[in-house]
């Protein structure tokens, strides 16, 4: 290569770099920055929302539980039912929650779950967990306990009854 070719290649490289720099600058200044990105607050280990929201969550051991009572305060229902969703990206959720769950009342009564309708595995599992309603009469609060899922000895979810 002669010196004229080297100079020409150098000019082309410098010109290309200048164009790339101008293009990035133009793109950066054309995007409005009027609103900062919202801050994301970390979720606590066990979320207990206000009285109007009955959904409860619990993270731990690579599994997130979301639990929502379906019929609290329904004196005519034969069971107390909870919609339970388990989500993970790392373990198989092949758990029979009826064997791992307990419902406690503020009156000292404890009831074992009678039915878990969820599927037998996967990474995103949801179903209905039911307890006999006659065990929770006269209660003013309930605590659902789910034991031994993904290295977490006990997960608790609390509700005040209407």
N, C-alpha and C. Protein backbone atom coordinates (compact mmCIF):
# COMPACT_ATOMS: atom_id res chain seq x y z
N UNK A 1 0.84 -1.17 0.00
CA UNK A 1 0.00 0.00 0.00
C UNK A 1 0.89 1.24 0.00
N UNK A 2 0.51 2.20 -0.81
CA UNK A 2 1.31 3.42 -0.83
C UNK A 2 0.75 4.44 0.16
N UNK A 3 1.45 5.51 0.36
CA UNK A 3 1.08 6.50 1.37
C UNK A 3 -0.24 7.20 1.04
N UNK A 4 -0.57 7.38 -0.25
CA UNK A 4 -1.84 8.01 -0.62
C UNK A 4 -3.02 7.11 -0.23
N UNK A 5 -2.88 5.79 -0.38
CA UNK A 5 -3.94 4.86 -0.01
C UNK A 5 -4.13 4.84 1.50
N UNK A 6 -3.04 4.88 2.26
CA UNK A 6 -3.14 4.89 3.71
C UNK A 6 -3.84 6.16 4.19
N UNK A 7 -3.49 7.30 3.59
CA UNK A 7 -4.14 8.56 3.95
C UNK A 7 -5.62 8.51 3.61
N UNK A 8 -5.96 7.96 2.46
CA UNK A 8 -7.35 7.86 2.03
C UNK A 8 -8.15 6.97 2.98
N UNK A 9 -7.58 5.83 3.37
CA UNK A 9 -8.25 4.93 4.32
C UNK A 9 -8.44 5.63 5.66
N UNK A 10 -7.43 6.37 6.10
CA UNK A 10 -7.53 7.11 7.36
C UNK A 10 -8.64 8.13 7.32
N UNK A 11 -8.74 8.87 6.20
CA UNK A 11 -9.79 9.88 6.05
C UNK A 11 -11.16 9.21 6.07
N UNK A 12 -11.30 8.08 5.38
CA UNK A 12 -12.58 7.36 5.36
C UNK A 12 -12.97 6.87 6.76
N UNK A 13 -12.00 6.35 7.50
CA UNK A 13 -12.29 5.86 8.86
C UNK A 13 -12.71 7.02 9.75
N UNK A 14 -11.98 8.13 9.70
CA UNK A 14 -12.32 9.30 10.52
C UNK A 14 -13.69 9.83 10.13
N UNK A 15 -13.98 9.89 8.83
CA UNK A 15 -15.29 10.35 8.37
C UNK A 15 -16.41 9.44 8.84
N UNK A 16 -16.18 8.13 8.77
CA UNK A 16 -17.21 7.18 9.23
C UNK A 16 -17.46 7.32 10.72
N UNK A 17 -16.40 7.47 11.48
CA UNK A 17 -16.55 7.66 12.94
C UNK A 17 -17.28 8.96 13.25
N UNK A 18 -17.00 10.01 12.49
CA UNK A 18 -17.68 11.28 12.70
C UNK A 18 -19.17 11.15 12.39
N UNK A 19 -19.51 10.44 11.33
CA UNK A 19 -20.93 10.25 10.98
C UNK A 19 -21.66 9.42 12.04
N UNK A 20 -21.01 8.38 12.53
CA UNK A 20 -21.62 7.56 13.57
C UNK A 20 -21.84 8.39 14.82
N UNK A 21 -20.86 9.18 15.19
CA UNK A 21 -20.99 10.03 16.38
C UNK A 21 -22.10 11.05 16.22
N UNK A 22 -22.21 11.66 15.05
CA UNK A 22 -23.28 12.64 14.80
C UNK A 22 -24.63 11.97 14.81
N UNK A 23 -24.70 10.79 14.23
CA UNK A 23 -25.97 10.06 14.20
C UNK A 23 -26.44 9.72 15.60
N UNK A 24 -25.54 9.24 16.44
CA UNK A 24 -25.90 8.91 17.82
C UNK A 24 -26.29 10.15 18.59
N UNK A 25 -25.59 11.27 18.36
CA UNK A 25 -25.90 12.52 19.05
C UNK A 25 -27.28 13.01 18.65
N UNK A 26 -27.59 12.94 17.35
CA UNK A 26 -28.90 13.38 16.88
C UNK A 26 -30.00 12.51 17.45
N UNK A 27 -29.76 11.23 17.51
CA UNK A 27 -30.75 10.31 18.06
C UNK A 27 -30.95 10.57 19.54
N UNK A 28 -29.87 10.79 20.25
CA UNK A 28 -29.96 11.00 21.70
C UNK A 28 -30.70 12.28 22.01
N UNK A 29 -30.51 13.35 21.22
CA UNK A 29 -31.16 14.62 21.52
C UNK A 29 -32.59 14.65 21.03
N UNK A 30 -33.00 13.74 20.13
CA UNK A 30 -34.37 13.76 19.64
C UNK A 30 -35.33 13.04 20.58
N UNK A 31 -34.82 12.29 21.56
CA UNK A 31 -35.67 11.59 22.51
C UNK A 31 -35.97 12.51 23.67
N UNK A 32 -37.25 12.81 23.94
CA UNK A 32 -37.56 13.72 25.04
C UNK A 32 -37.23 13.07 26.39
N UNK A 33 -36.71 13.89 27.27
CA UNK A 33 -36.37 13.42 28.60
C UNK A 33 -37.21 14.14 29.65
N UNK A 34 -38.45 14.49 29.30
CA UNK A 34 -39.27 15.29 30.20
C UNK A 34 -39.71 14.55 31.44
N UNK A 35 -39.84 13.21 31.39
CA UNK A 35 -40.28 12.46 32.55
C UNK A 35 -39.25 11.41 32.91
N UNK A 36 -38.80 11.44 34.15
CA UNK A 36 -37.85 10.39 34.56
C UNK A 36 -38.56 9.05 34.68
N UNK A 37 -37.80 8.00 34.54
CA UNK A 37 -38.37 6.65 34.68
C UNK A 37 -38.84 6.47 36.12
N UNK A 38 -39.99 5.81 36.30
CA UNK A 38 -40.49 5.60 37.67
C UNK A 38 -39.56 4.67 38.45
N UNK A 39 -39.46 4.96 39.73
CA UNK A 39 -38.66 4.10 40.60
C UNK A 39 -39.44 2.84 40.90
N UNK A 40 -38.78 1.70 40.86
CA UNK A 40 -39.42 0.43 41.17
C UNK A 40 -39.09 0.09 42.61
N UNK A 41 -40.11 -0.02 43.42
CA UNK A 41 -39.93 -0.37 44.82
C UNK A 41 -39.91 -1.87 44.97
N UNK A 42 -38.95 -2.42 45.70
CA UNK A 42 -38.94 -3.87 45.90
C UNK A 42 -40.14 -4.30 46.73
N UNK A 43 -40.68 -5.48 46.39
CA UNK A 43 -41.81 -6.03 47.12
C UNK A 43 -41.32 -6.70 48.39
N UNK A 44 -42.02 -6.50 49.50
CA UNK A 44 -41.60 -7.18 50.73
C UNK A 44 -41.78 -8.68 50.61
N UNK A 45 -41.14 -9.41 51.52
CA UNK A 45 -41.21 -10.87 51.50
C UNK A 45 -42.66 -11.35 51.56
N UNK A 46 -43.43 -10.82 52.45
CA UNK A 46 -44.84 -11.19 52.54
C UNK A 46 -45.66 -9.92 52.46
N UNK A 47 -46.41 -9.76 51.40
CA UNK A 47 -47.19 -8.56 51.18
C UNK A 47 -48.56 -8.73 51.81
N UNK A 48 -48.94 -7.80 52.65
CA UNK A 48 -50.25 -7.81 53.29
C UNK A 48 -50.93 -6.48 52.97
N UNK A 49 -51.63 -6.39 51.81
CA UNK A 49 -52.24 -5.14 51.37
C UNK A 49 -53.34 -4.66 52.32
N UNK A 50 -53.88 -3.51 51.99
CA UNK A 50 -54.93 -2.91 52.80
C UNK A 50 -56.20 -3.75 52.84
N UNK A 51 -57.15 -3.29 53.62
CA UNK A 51 -58.36 -4.06 53.88
C UNK A 51 -59.17 -4.36 52.62
N UNK A 52 -59.11 -3.49 51.60
CA UNK A 52 -59.90 -3.70 50.40
C UNK A 52 -59.33 -4.76 49.46
N UNK A 53 -58.08 -5.05 49.57
CA UNK A 53 -57.44 -6.01 48.68
C UNK A 53 -57.19 -7.30 49.45
N UNK A 54 -57.78 -8.40 48.99
CA UNK A 54 -57.66 -9.68 49.70
C UNK A 54 -56.50 -10.54 49.19
N UNK A 55 -55.86 -10.13 48.10
CA UNK A 55 -54.77 -10.92 47.54
C UNK A 55 -53.52 -10.76 48.40
N UNK A 56 -52.86 -11.89 48.66
CA UNK A 56 -51.62 -11.90 49.44
C UNK A 56 -50.54 -12.58 48.61
N UNK A 57 -49.29 -12.11 48.73
CA UNK A 57 -48.18 -12.74 48.04
C UNK A 57 -47.07 -13.08 49.02
N UNK A 58 -46.26 -14.06 48.62
CA UNK A 58 -45.12 -14.46 49.42
C UNK A 58 -44.05 -14.99 48.47
N UNK A 59 -42.85 -14.40 48.57
CA UNK A 59 -41.71 -14.83 47.75
C UNK A 59 -40.72 -15.54 48.64
N UNK A 60 -40.13 -16.58 48.12
CA UNK A 60 -39.08 -17.26 48.86
C UNK A 60 -38.76 -18.60 48.25
N UNK A 61 -37.51 -19.01 48.37
CA UNK A 61 -37.11 -20.32 47.85
C UNK A 61 -37.36 -20.47 46.38
N UNK A 62 -37.27 -19.41 45.61
CA UNK A 62 -37.44 -19.40 44.15
C UNK A 62 -38.88 -19.59 43.71
N UNK A 63 -39.85 -19.53 44.64
CA UNK A 63 -41.26 -19.67 44.27
C UNK A 63 -42.05 -18.48 44.82
N UNK A 64 -42.87 -17.89 43.96
CA UNK A 64 -43.76 -16.82 44.39
C UNK A 64 -45.17 -17.38 44.50
N UNK A 65 -45.78 -17.20 45.66
CA UNK A 65 -47.16 -17.60 45.89
C UNK A 65 -48.03 -16.37 45.84
N UNK A 66 -49.17 -16.48 45.18
CA UNK A 66 -50.22 -15.46 45.21
C UNK A 66 -51.49 -16.17 45.65
N UNK A 67 -52.10 -15.68 46.74
CA UNK A 67 -53.27 -16.34 47.31
C UNK A 67 -54.39 -15.32 47.46
N UNK A 68 -55.58 -15.73 47.00
CA UNK A 68 -56.75 -14.85 47.12
C UNK A 68 -57.94 -15.68 47.60
N UNK A 69 -58.55 -15.30 48.73
CA UNK A 69 -59.75 -16.00 49.17
C UNK A 69 -60.90 -15.72 48.22
N UNK A 70 -61.72 -16.74 47.99
CA UNK A 70 -62.82 -16.59 47.03
C UNK A 70 -64.17 -16.38 47.68
N UNK A 71 -64.34 -16.83 48.92
CA UNK A 71 -65.68 -16.75 49.52
C UNK A 71 -65.65 -16.47 51.03
N UNK A 72 -64.74 -15.63 51.46
CA UNK A 72 -64.71 -15.27 52.88
C UNK A 72 -66.02 -14.59 53.27
N UNK A 73 -66.53 -14.96 54.40
CA UNK A 73 -67.76 -14.34 54.88
C UNK A 73 -69.04 -14.94 54.32
N UNK A 74 -68.95 -15.93 53.45
CA UNK A 74 -70.14 -16.58 52.90
C UNK A 74 -70.54 -17.72 53.84
N UNK A 75 -71.49 -17.45 54.71
CA UNK A 75 -71.90 -18.42 55.72
C UNK A 75 -72.57 -19.65 55.11
N UNK A 76 -73.05 -19.57 53.88
CA UNK A 76 -73.73 -20.69 53.24
C UNK A 76 -72.78 -21.63 52.50
N UNK A 77 -71.54 -21.21 52.29
CA UNK A 77 -70.59 -22.03 51.53
C UNK A 77 -70.14 -23.23 52.35
N UNK A 78 -70.07 -24.41 51.74
CA UNK A 78 -69.63 -25.61 52.47
C UNK A 78 -68.11 -25.65 52.69
N UNK A 79 -67.38 -24.85 51.90
CA UNK A 79 -65.93 -24.80 52.03
C UNK A 79 -65.45 -23.35 52.01
N UNK A 80 -64.29 -23.13 52.58
CA UNK A 80 -63.59 -21.86 52.45
C UNK A 80 -62.54 -22.09 51.38
N UNK A 81 -62.63 -21.33 50.28
CA UNK A 81 -61.81 -21.58 49.11
C UNK A 81 -60.81 -20.45 48.86
N UNK A 82 -59.61 -20.85 48.44
CA UNK A 82 -58.56 -19.91 48.11
C UNK A 82 -58.04 -20.22 46.72
N UNK A 83 -57.91 -19.19 45.90
CA UNK A 83 -57.24 -19.34 44.61
C UNK A 83 -55.74 -19.18 44.89
N UNK A 84 -54.96 -20.20 44.55
CA UNK A 84 -53.52 -20.19 44.82
C UNK A 84 -52.78 -20.31 43.50
N UNK A 85 -51.83 -19.40 43.29
CA UNK A 85 -50.96 -19.46 42.11
C UNK A 85 -49.52 -19.55 42.59
N UNK A 86 -48.77 -20.48 42.00
CA UNK A 86 -47.35 -20.63 42.30
C UNK A 86 -46.59 -20.40 40.99
N UNK A 87 -45.54 -19.59 41.07
CA UNK A 87 -44.75 -19.28 39.88
C UNK A 87 -43.27 -19.36 40.20
N UNK A 88 -42.51 -19.95 39.27
CA UNK A 88 -41.08 -20.10 39.43
C UNK A 88 -40.45 -20.25 38.06
N UNK A 89 -39.14 -20.15 38.01
CA UNK A 89 -38.39 -20.43 36.78
C UNK A 89 -37.34 -21.50 37.02
N UNK A 90 -37.37 -22.11 38.22
CA UNK A 90 -36.26 -23.01 38.52
C UNK A 90 -36.64 -24.36 39.13
N UNK A 91 -37.84 -24.53 39.66
CA UNK A 91 -38.19 -25.81 40.27
C UNK A 91 -39.51 -26.30 39.71
N UNK A 92 -39.74 -27.61 39.81
CA UNK A 92 -41.02 -28.19 39.39
C UNK A 92 -42.01 -28.04 40.54
N UNK A 93 -43.18 -27.53 40.25
CA UNK A 93 -44.19 -27.26 41.28
C UNK A 93 -45.17 -28.43 41.41
N UNK A 94 -44.65 -29.62 41.52
CA UNK A 94 -45.47 -30.83 41.65
C UNK A 94 -45.79 -31.06 43.12
N UNK A 95 -46.56 -30.15 43.71
CA UNK A 95 -46.91 -30.25 45.11
C UNK A 95 -48.41 -30.47 45.27
N UNK A 96 -48.79 -31.31 46.20
CA UNK A 96 -50.19 -31.46 46.58
C UNK A 96 -50.41 -30.53 47.78
N UNK A 97 -50.91 -29.34 47.50
CA UNK A 97 -51.05 -28.34 48.57
C UNK A 97 -52.05 -28.76 49.64
N UNK A 98 -52.93 -29.71 49.35
CA UNK A 98 -53.86 -30.15 50.39
C UNK A 98 -53.11 -30.86 51.52
N UNK A 99 -51.97 -31.43 51.22
CA UNK A 99 -51.16 -32.11 52.25
C UNK A 99 -50.19 -31.17 52.95
N UNK A 100 -49.98 -29.99 52.38
CA UNK A 100 -48.99 -29.06 52.92
C UNK A 100 -49.62 -27.83 53.57
N UNK A 101 -50.96 -27.77 53.61
CA UNK A 101 -51.64 -26.55 54.04
C UNK A 101 -52.49 -26.76 55.28
N UNK A 102 -52.59 -25.68 56.04
CA UNK A 102 -53.34 -25.67 57.29
C UNK A 102 -54.01 -24.31 57.41
N UNK A 103 -55.26 -24.31 57.88
CA UNK A 103 -55.97 -23.06 58.11
C UNK A 103 -56.20 -22.91 59.60
N UNK A 104 -55.75 -21.78 60.17
CA UNK A 104 -55.92 -21.51 61.59
C UNK A 104 -56.84 -20.32 61.77
N UNK A 105 -57.59 -20.34 62.87
CA UNK A 105 -58.45 -19.21 63.20
C UNK A 105 -57.95 -18.55 64.47
N UNK A 106 -58.46 -17.34 64.72
CA UNK A 106 -58.12 -16.63 65.95
C UNK A 106 -58.75 -17.30 67.18
N UNK A 107 -59.67 -18.24 66.98
CA UNK A 107 -60.29 -18.96 68.10
C UNK A 107 -59.50 -20.22 68.46
N UNK A 108 -58.40 -20.47 67.77
CA UNK A 108 -57.56 -21.62 68.08
C UNK A 108 -57.86 -22.88 67.28
N UNK A 109 -58.83 -22.82 66.39
CA UNK A 109 -59.18 -23.99 65.58
C UNK A 109 -58.20 -24.12 64.43
N UNK A 110 -57.80 -25.36 64.13
CA UNK A 110 -56.95 -25.65 62.98
C UNK A 110 -57.66 -26.66 62.09
N UNK A 111 -57.60 -26.42 60.79
CA UNK A 111 -58.25 -27.32 59.83
C UNK A 111 -57.29 -27.67 58.71
N UNK A 112 -57.23 -28.95 58.39
CA UNK A 112 -56.44 -29.41 57.25
C UNK A 112 -57.23 -29.15 55.97
N UNK A 113 -56.52 -28.93 54.89
CA UNK A 113 -57.18 -28.71 53.60
C UNK A 113 -57.88 -29.99 53.16
N UNK A 114 -59.01 -29.83 52.49
CA UNK A 114 -59.75 -30.99 52.01
C UNK A 114 -59.48 -31.28 50.54
N UNK A 115 -59.18 -30.24 49.74
CA UNK A 115 -59.00 -30.43 48.30
C UNK A 115 -58.01 -29.42 47.74
N UNK A 116 -57.14 -29.88 46.85
CA UNK A 116 -56.29 -29.00 46.01
C UNK A 116 -56.60 -29.37 44.58
N UNK A 117 -57.06 -28.43 43.78
CA UNK A 117 -57.47 -28.72 42.41
C UNK A 117 -56.40 -28.39 41.37
N UNK A 118 -55.21 -27.99 41.81
CA UNK A 118 -54.17 -27.61 40.86
C UNK A 118 -53.55 -28.79 40.14
N UNK A 119 -52.90 -28.52 39.00
CA UNK A 119 -52.24 -29.59 38.25
C UNK A 119 -51.03 -30.12 39.00
N UNK A 120 -50.51 -31.24 38.54
CA UNK A 120 -49.44 -31.92 39.23
C UNK A 120 -48.03 -31.54 38.84
N UNK A 121 -47.77 -30.33 38.40
CA UNK A 121 -46.41 -29.93 38.11
C UNK A 121 -46.33 -28.79 37.12
N UNK A 122 -45.11 -28.35 36.87
CA UNK A 122 -44.86 -27.25 35.96
C UNK A 122 -44.18 -26.10 36.69
N UNK A 123 -44.08 -24.97 36.00
CA UNK A 123 -43.45 -23.78 36.57
C UNK A 123 -44.46 -22.69 36.90
N UNK A 124 -45.67 -22.81 36.39
CA UNK A 124 -46.73 -21.84 36.63
C UNK A 124 -48.00 -22.65 36.92
N UNK A 125 -48.30 -22.80 38.19
CA UNK A 125 -49.39 -23.68 38.62
C UNK A 125 -50.41 -22.86 39.40
N UNK A 126 -51.69 -23.06 39.11
CA UNK A 126 -52.73 -22.42 39.91
C UNK A 126 -53.90 -23.38 40.06
N UNK A 127 -54.62 -23.18 41.15
CA UNK A 127 -55.77 -24.02 41.44
C UNK A 127 -56.51 -23.49 42.66
N UNK A 128 -57.48 -24.27 43.10
CA UNK A 128 -58.29 -23.90 44.26
C UNK A 128 -57.93 -24.81 45.42
N UNK A 129 -57.66 -24.19 46.56
CA UNK A 129 -57.37 -24.89 47.81
C UNK A 129 -58.56 -24.69 48.72
N UNK A 130 -59.18 -25.80 49.17
CA UNK A 130 -60.43 -25.72 49.94
C UNK A 130 -60.26 -26.32 51.33
N UNK A 131 -60.98 -25.72 52.28
CA UNK A 131 -61.02 -26.17 53.66
C UNK A 131 -62.48 -26.29 54.09
N UNK A 132 -62.80 -27.19 55.03
CA UNK A 132 -64.19 -27.29 55.50
C UNK A 132 -64.61 -26.01 56.21
N UNK A 133 -65.73 -25.44 55.79
CA UNK A 133 -66.19 -24.16 56.35
C UNK A 133 -66.65 -24.28 57.79
N UNK A 134 -67.11 -25.47 58.20
CA UNK A 134 -67.61 -25.60 59.57
C UNK A 134 -66.50 -25.44 60.60
N UNK A 135 -65.25 -25.51 60.18
CA UNK A 135 -64.12 -25.34 61.10
C UNK A 135 -63.83 -23.88 61.43
N UNK A 136 -64.37 -22.96 60.65
CA UNK A 136 -64.03 -21.56 60.85
C UNK A 136 -65.20 -20.71 61.36
N UNK A 137 -66.24 -21.36 61.87
CA UNK A 137 -67.36 -20.59 62.40
C UNK A 137 -66.90 -19.80 63.62
N UNK A 138 -67.45 -18.62 63.76
CA UNK A 138 -67.15 -17.69 64.86
C UNK A 138 -65.74 -17.10 64.80
N UNK A 139 -65.01 -17.35 63.77
CA UNK A 139 -63.67 -16.78 63.65
C UNK A 139 -63.74 -15.34 63.16
N UNK A 140 -62.79 -14.54 63.60
CA UNK A 140 -62.70 -13.15 63.16
C UNK A 140 -61.49 -12.94 62.26
N UNK A 141 -60.55 -13.90 62.28
CA UNK A 141 -59.41 -13.83 61.37
C UNK A 141 -58.95 -15.24 61.01
N UNK A 142 -58.36 -15.35 59.83
CA UNK A 142 -57.85 -16.63 59.34
C UNK A 142 -56.39 -16.49 58.97
N UNK A 143 -55.65 -17.57 59.19
CA UNK A 143 -54.26 -17.65 58.75
C UNK A 143 -54.09 -18.94 57.97
N UNK A 144 -53.71 -18.79 56.71
CA UNK A 144 -53.40 -19.93 55.86
C UNK A 144 -51.90 -20.17 55.96
N UNK A 145 -51.52 -21.41 56.25
CA UNK A 145 -50.12 -21.78 56.36
C UNK A 145 -49.83 -22.85 55.31
N UNK A 146 -48.81 -22.61 54.50
CA UNK A 146 -48.36 -23.59 53.52
C UNK A 146 -46.92 -23.94 53.90
N UNK A 147 -46.69 -25.23 54.13
CA UNK A 147 -45.40 -25.68 54.66
C UNK A 147 -44.53 -26.34 53.60
N UNK A 148 -43.22 -26.19 53.78
CA UNK A 148 -42.19 -26.96 53.06
C UNK A 148 -42.29 -26.93 51.54
N UNK A 149 -42.36 -25.75 50.97
CA UNK A 149 -42.32 -25.63 49.52
C UNK A 149 -41.05 -24.90 49.14
N UNK A 150 -40.20 -25.56 48.39
CA UNK A 150 -38.97 -24.99 47.83
C UNK A 150 -38.06 -24.40 48.90
N UNK A 151 -37.83 -25.16 49.96
CA UNK A 151 -36.88 -24.75 50.97
C UNK A 151 -37.39 -23.74 51.98
N UNK A 152 -38.64 -23.34 51.89
CA UNK A 152 -39.22 -22.40 52.86
C UNK A 152 -40.07 -23.21 53.83
N UNK A 153 -39.69 -23.23 55.12
CA UNK A 153 -40.39 -24.07 56.09
C UNK A 153 -41.88 -23.74 56.24
N UNK A 154 -42.21 -22.44 56.17
CA UNK A 154 -43.61 -22.06 56.38
C UNK A 154 -43.89 -20.71 55.74
N UNK A 155 -45.00 -20.63 55.00
CA UNK A 155 -45.48 -19.37 54.43
C UNK A 155 -46.82 -19.08 55.07
N UNK A 156 -47.03 -17.86 55.50
CA UNK A 156 -48.30 -17.52 56.15
C UNK A 156 -48.99 -16.39 55.40
N UNK A 157 -50.32 -16.48 55.37
CA UNK A 157 -51.18 -15.49 54.72
C UNK A 157 -52.32 -15.21 55.69
N UNK A 158 -52.57 -13.95 56.00
CA UNK A 158 -53.56 -13.57 57.01
C UNK A 158 -54.69 -12.72 56.43
N UNK A 159 -55.91 -12.95 56.96
CA UNK A 159 -57.07 -12.15 56.59
C UNK A 159 -57.95 -11.90 57.80
N UNK A 160 -58.53 -10.73 57.85
CA UNK A 160 -59.58 -10.41 58.81
C UNK A 160 -60.91 -10.75 58.12
N UNK A 161 -61.82 -11.37 58.86
CA UNK A 161 -63.11 -11.75 58.27
C UNK A 161 -64.09 -10.59 58.36
N UNK A 162 -64.98 -10.50 57.38
CA UNK A 162 -65.98 -9.41 57.38
C UNK A 162 -66.99 -9.58 58.49
